[in-house]
Amino acid sequence: MYKTSSIDKNFYFTPSVVIIPLIVVMLMWFGFYIDQNYFPQLFEYGILPKTLKGLRGIVFHIFIHGDFKHLLNNSIPILLLLMALKYFYRQQFNKVLFSGILILGFGTWLIGRNSYHIGASGLVYFLVSFIFFKGVLTKYYRLVALSFVIVLIYGGTVWYMFPNAETISKGISWEGHFVGFLTGLAMSIFVKTPQFEKPIFYDWEQPDFDPSKEPFFKQFDENGNFINPPKPEIIEEVKPEIESYFTSSIRVIYEFLGRK
């Protein structure tokens, strides 16, 4: 019979797995609605690199999109990737999401072209990068499998991370994609996930275990070869001389008398 491991207990469904990603996507659609009907200059709240005004776009740029196709292309990946992040990395979700948005936004502000950078595609690259690399680093089979799924679905998007004829001609923010990917990689290394560490059952599995202090390990040399202990020294015991209770210099002759 299959028994659930202690690590598997970290995976369980709650309504927040769906609700939080839906809220983020709804905010993206709400921003698009405002842009199309009331405030067509909403793109000015995007990231404008190396300007004070452009700093506000670090937070707002993911909710602003140029057209419906742009919005739709980002909505589905954001929904699915945020659901995966919430389900598999529940304890780190808030830290990863909010820190990731700020870092990738600021990085785009630093290296981006002198143009408004809008859209949630940088966040998509961030989530893809984090989920892929973190799954590989944990070495836990479920998360590694998730990493391979991510590669199969989004592996081809790597070409939009660099300047080329397509990204330049179509006005694609390859800088946001590139920074998002690097941000996800960095956070996968520095954000700890202790819930996926292998349970410790033995003393020698402890990180501070010192084998040199254990008597058992002292029986082996540095190459792991068993050291034959020296033969114990044989010490002959000297029996103490027992003095007779009765001593005499007179010769005694014993005669056995038969039974009459």
Protein backbone atom coordinates (compact mmCIF):
# COMPACT_ATOMS: atom_id res chain seq x y z
CA MET A 1 0.00 0.00 0.00
CA TYR A 2 1.32 3.47 -0.92
CA LYS A 3 2.04 5.78 1.99
CA THR A 4 2.19 9.54 1.63
CA SER A 5 5.64 10.89 2.44
CA SER A 6 6.19 13.91 4.67
CA ILE A 7 7.13 15.96 1.59
CA ASP A 8 3.95 15.01 -0.28
CA LYS A 9 1.93 16.53 2.55
CA ASN A 10 3.03 19.98 1.32
CA PHE A 11 0.88 19.54 -1.79
CA TYR A 12 -2.80 20.14 -1.17
CA PHE A 13 -5.49 22.12 -2.92
CA THR A 14 -7.15 25.18 -1.42
CA PRO A 15 -9.40 27.79 -3.10
CA SER A 16 -6.51 30.28 -3.02
CA VAL A 17 -4.70 28.18 -5.65
CA VAL A 18 -7.30 29.42 -8.14
CA ILE A 19 -8.57 32.64 -6.56
CA ILE A 20 -5.26 34.52 -6.31
CA PRO A 21 -4.19 33.86 -9.93
CA LEU A 22 -7.68 34.82 -11.09
CA ILE A 23 -7.46 38.13 -9.22
CA VAL A 24 -4.13 38.94 -10.89
CA VAL A 25 -5.53 38.13 -14.34
CA MET A 26 -8.71 40.12 -13.63
CA LEU A 27 -6.58 43.14 -12.74
CA MET A 28 -4.81 42.76 -16.07
CA TRP A 29 -8.16 42.71 -17.91
CA PHE A 30 -9.44 45.61 -15.83
CA GLY A 31 -6.38 47.65 -16.79
CA PHE A 32 -6.98 46.83 -20.44
CA TYR A 33 -10.64 47.87 -20.12
CA ILE A 34 -9.67 51.21 -18.57
CA ASP A 35 -7.09 51.76 -21.28
CA GLN A 36 -9.50 51.03 -24.12
CA ASN A 37 -12.47 53.00 -22.82
CA TYR A 38 -11.39 55.77 -20.46
CA PHE A 39 -7.67 56.39 -20.39
CA PRO A 40 -5.82 55.61 -23.63
CA GLN A 41 -2.63 57.10 -22.20
CA LEU A 42 -2.40 54.36 -19.60
CA PHE A 43 0.78 53.12 -21.27
CA GLU A 44 2.53 56.10 -19.67
CA TYR A 45 2.29 54.19 -16.40
CA GLY A 46 4.59 51.57 -17.85
CA ILE A 47 8.34 51.39 -17.28
CA LEU A 48 10.25 54.25 -18.89
CA PRO A 49 13.91 53.35 -18.28
CA LYS A 50 16.23 55.69 -16.40
CA THR A 51 13.55 58.27 -15.60
CA LEU A 52 11.90 59.10 -12.30
CA LYS A 53 8.46 58.95 -13.90
CA GLY A 54 9.25 55.51 -15.23
CA LEU A 55 9.79 54.09 -11.73
CA ARG A 56 6.03 53.85 -11.16
CA GLY A 57 5.87 51.35 -13.98
CA ILE A 58 7.84 48.83 -11.89
CA VAL A 59 4.54 47.90 -10.22
CA PHE A 60 1.93 48.92 -12.81
CA HIS A 61 3.50 47.66 -16.05
CA ILE A 62 2.19 44.09 -15.67
CA PHE A 63 -1.41 45.34 -15.72
CA ILE A 64 -1.06 47.36 -18.95
CA HIS A 65 -1.23 45.81 -22.45
CA GLY A 66 -1.07 47.25 -25.94
CA ASP A 67 -3.84 45.21 -27.57
CA PHE A 68 -6.16 42.28 -27.02
CA LYS A 69 -3.75 39.73 -28.49
CA HIS A 70 -1.01 40.92 -26.17
CA LEU A 71 -3.37 40.61 -23.19
CA LEU A 72 -4.62 37.14 -24.17
CA ASN A 73 -1.12 35.79 -24.81
CA ASN A 74 -0.11 36.76 -21.27
CA SER A 75 -3.34 35.93 -19.42
CA ILE A 76 -3.33 32.16 -19.91
CA PRO A 77 0.35 31.63 -18.96
CA ILE A 78 0.02 33.93 -15.93
CA LEU A 79 -3.05 32.04 -14.73
CA LEU A 80 -1.48 28.59 -15.10
CA LEU A 81 1.97 29.53 -13.80
CA LEU A 82 0.63 31.34 -10.73
CA MET A 83 -1.57 28.33 -9.96
CA ALA A 84 1.47 26.07 -10.19
CA LEU A 85 3.51 28.42 -8.01
CA LYS A 86 0.78 28.60 -5.36
CA TYR A 87 0.19 24.85 -5.32
CA PHE A 88 3.78 23.61 -5.32
CA TYR A 89 5.50 26.48 -3.48
CA ARG A 90 2.77 27.56 -1.12
CA GLN A 91 5.08 28.77 1.66
CA GLN A 92 7.22 30.87 -0.69
CA PHE A 93 4.43 32.19 -2.94
CA ASN A 94 4.08 35.74 -1.61
CA LYS A 95 7.81 36.28 -1.28
CA VAL A 96 8.55 34.97 -4.76
CA LEU A 97 5.73 36.81 -6.53
CA PHE A 98 6.09 40.29 -5.01
CA SER A 99 9.89 40.26 -4.88
CA GLY A 100 10.02 38.97 -8.44
CA ILE A 101 7.76 41.75 -9.77
CA LEU A 102 9.85 44.46 -8.09
CA ILE A 103 13.23 43.05 -9.13
CA LEU A 104 12.33 42.35 -12.77
CA GLY A 105 10.65 45.76 -13.01
CA PHE A 106 13.67 47.58 -11.63
CA GLY A 107 16.03 45.57 -13.82
CA THR A 108 14.01 46.51 -16.89
CA TRP A 109 14.13 50.14 -15.78
CA LEU A 110 17.92 49.91 -15.63
CA ILE A 111 18.75 48.24 -18.97
CA GLY A 112 15.66 48.87 -21.11
CA ARG A 113 15.49 50.94 -24.29
CA ASN A 114 14.19 54.49 -24.12
CA SER A 115 10.58 53.43 -24.62
CA TYR A 116 7.60 52.42 -22.50
CA HIS A 117 7.76 48.78 -21.43
CA ILE A 118 4.34 47.32 -20.66
CA GLY A 119 2.77 43.90 -20.28
CA ALA A 120 3.12 40.84 -18.05
CA SER A 121 5.42 38.88 -20.36
CA GLY A 122 8.40 39.65 -18.13
CA LEU A 123 6.48 38.08 -15.25
CA VAL A 124 5.81 35.02 -17.42
CA TYR A 125 9.54 34.60 -18.06
CA PHE A 126 10.23 35.07 -14.36
CA LEU A 127 7.74 32.38 -13.32
CA VAL A 128 8.93 29.95 -16.00
CA SER A 129 12.55 30.42 -14.93
CA PHE A 130 11.86 30.11 -11.20
CA ILE A 131 9.64 27.03 -11.43
CA PHE A 132 12.04 25.27 -13.81
CA PHE A 133 15.30 25.89 -11.94
CA LYS A 134 13.81 25.47 -8.46
CA GLY A 135 12.35 22.12 -9.40
CA VAL A 136 15.73 20.93 -10.66
CA LEU A 137 17.55 22.22 -7.57
CA THR A 138 15.19 20.54 -5.11
CA LYS A 139 15.73 17.16 -6.84
CA TYR A 140 12.28 16.10 -5.68
CA TYR A 141 10.63 13.96 -8.33
CA ARG A 142 7.33 15.87 -8.51
CA LEU A 143 9.03 19.23 -8.87
CA VAL A 144 11.53 17.88 -11.39
CA ALA A 145 8.61 16.53 -13.43
CA LEU A 146 7.01 19.98 -13.26
CA SER A 147 10.26 21.48 -14.56
CA PHE A 148 10.22 19.21 -17.59
CA VAL A 149 6.61 20.17 -18.31
CA ILE A 150 7.62 23.83 -18.17
CA VAL A 151 10.42 23.20 -20.67
CA LEU A 152 8.11 21.38 -23.06
CA ILE A 153 5.54 24.18 -23.03
CA TYR A 154 7.69 27.30 -22.83
CA GLY A 155 11.13 26.19 -24.01
CA GLY A 156 10.72 27.92 -27.36
CA THR A 157 10.24 31.34 -25.78
CA VAL A 158 13.97 31.54 -25.07
CA TRP A 159 14.47 33.21 -28.47
CA TYR A 160 12.51 36.27 -27.33
CA MET A 161 15.02 36.99 -24.55
CA PHE A 162 17.61 38.51 -26.87
CA PRO A 163 17.69 41.35 -29.40
CA ASN A 164 17.01 40.11 -32.92
CA ALA A 165 15.14 41.21 -36.03
CA GLU A 166 11.78 39.94 -34.72
CA THR A 167 11.93 41.42 -31.22
CA ILE A 168 13.15 44.77 -32.54
CA SER A 169 10.68 45.06 -35.43
CA LYS A 170 7.66 44.02 -33.35
CA GLY A 171 8.56 46.24 -30.40
CA ILE A 172 8.93 43.28 -28.03
CA SER A 173 10.60 44.10 -24.73
CA TRP A 174 13.32 41.50 -24.87
CA GLU A 175 14.95 43.36 -21.96
CA GLY A 176 11.97 42.56 -19.72
CA HIS A 177 12.06 38.94 -20.82
CA PHE A 178 15.80 38.69 -20.20
CA VAL A 179 15.64 40.34 -16.76
CA GLY A 180 12.63 38.21 -15.80
CA PHE A 181 14.51 35.04 -16.71
CA LEU A 182 17.60 36.05 -14.72
CA THR A 183 15.47 37.10 -11.76
CA GLY A 184 13.74 33.71 -11.70
CA LEU A 185 17.09 31.94 -11.86
CA ALA A 186 18.56 34.00 -9.01
CA MET A 187 15.52 33.58 -6.77
CA SER A 188 15.46 29.82 -7.38
CA ILE A 189 18.96 29.73 -5.87
CA PHE A 190 18.48 32.08 -2.94
CA VAL A 191 14.88 31.33 -1.91
CA LYS A 192 15.03 28.34 0.41
CA THR A 193 12.44 25.56 0.39
CA PRO A 194 13.12 23.55 3.58
CA GLN A 195 9.82 21.69 3.21
CA PHE A 196 11.33 19.71 0.33
CA GLU A 197 14.56 18.72 2.07
CA LYS A 198 15.12 15.02 2.65
CA PRO A 199 14.08 14.01 6.20
CA ILE A 200 17.01 13.20 8.51
CA PHE A 201 16.86 9.81 10.20
CA TYR A 202 20.47 9.17 11.24
CA ASP A 203 23.10 11.19 13.09
CA TRP A 204 25.55 10.94 10.20
CA GLU A 205 23.02 12.76 7.97
CA GLN A 206 23.24 15.88 10.13
CA PRO A 207 25.11 18.75 8.41
CA ASP A 208 27.36 19.29 11.47
CA PHE A 209 28.24 15.60 11.85
CA ASP A 210 32.00 15.06 12.45
CA PRO A 211 33.06 11.45 11.72
CA SER A 212 36.51 12.03 13.24
CA LYS A 213 34.91 12.10 16.69
CA GLU A 214 33.07 8.81 16.30
CA PRO A 215 34.82 5.64 17.54
CA PHE A 216 33.39 3.57 14.69
CA PHE A 217 34.88 5.77 11.95
CA LYS A 218 38.28 5.76 13.64
CA GLN A 219 38.62 2.14 12.51
CA PHE A 220 39.03 3.29 8.88
CA ASP A 221 41.84 5.21 7.21
CA GLU A 222 41.38 8.25 4.95
CA ASN A 223 40.75 5.96 1.95
CA GLY A 224 38.02 4.02 3.71
CA ASN A 225 40.14 0.93 4.34
CA PHE A 226 39.63 -0.96 7.55
CA ILE A 227 42.51 -0.64 9.99
CA ASN A 228 43.37 -3.92 11.72
CA PRO A 229 43.76 -3.18 15.39
CA PRO A 230 47.04 -4.36 17.01
CA LYS A 231 46.96 -7.73 18.70
CA PRO A 232 46.50 -7.37 22.42
CA GLU A 233 49.62 -8.04 24.51
CA ILE A 234 49.49 -11.36 26.35
CA ILE A 235 50.25 -10.96 30.01
CA GLU A 236 50.91 -14.11 31.99
CA GLU A 237 49.31 -14.15 35.34
CA VAL A 238 51.60 -15.16 38.16
CA LYS A 239 49.79 -17.41 40.56
CA PRO A 240 50.53 -16.54 44.14
CA GLU A 241 52.24 -19.22 46.23
CA ILE A 242 49.90 -20.67 48.77
CA GLU A 243 51.60 -21.58 52.00
CA SER A 244 50.48 -24.83 53.64
CA TYR A 245 48.51 -24.41 56.76
CA PHE A 246 50.73 -27.03 58.52
CA THR A 247 54.47 -27.28 57.88
CA SER A 248 56.91 -29.68 59.59
CA SER A 249 60.39 -31.01 59.01
CA ILE A 250 59.42 -34.39 60.52
CA ARG A 251 58.70 -37.18 58.07
CA VAL A 252 55.16 -38.41 58.46
CA ILE A 253 54.14 -41.91 57.37
CA TYR A 254 50.48 -42.61 56.87
CA GLU A 255 49.20 -46.19 57.17
CA PHE A 256 45.79 -47.19 56.01
CA LEU A 257 43.99 -49.52 58.44
CA GLY A 258 41.62 -51.87 56.88
CA ARG A 259 38.07 -52.31 58.01
CA LYS A 260 37.50 -55.02 60.62
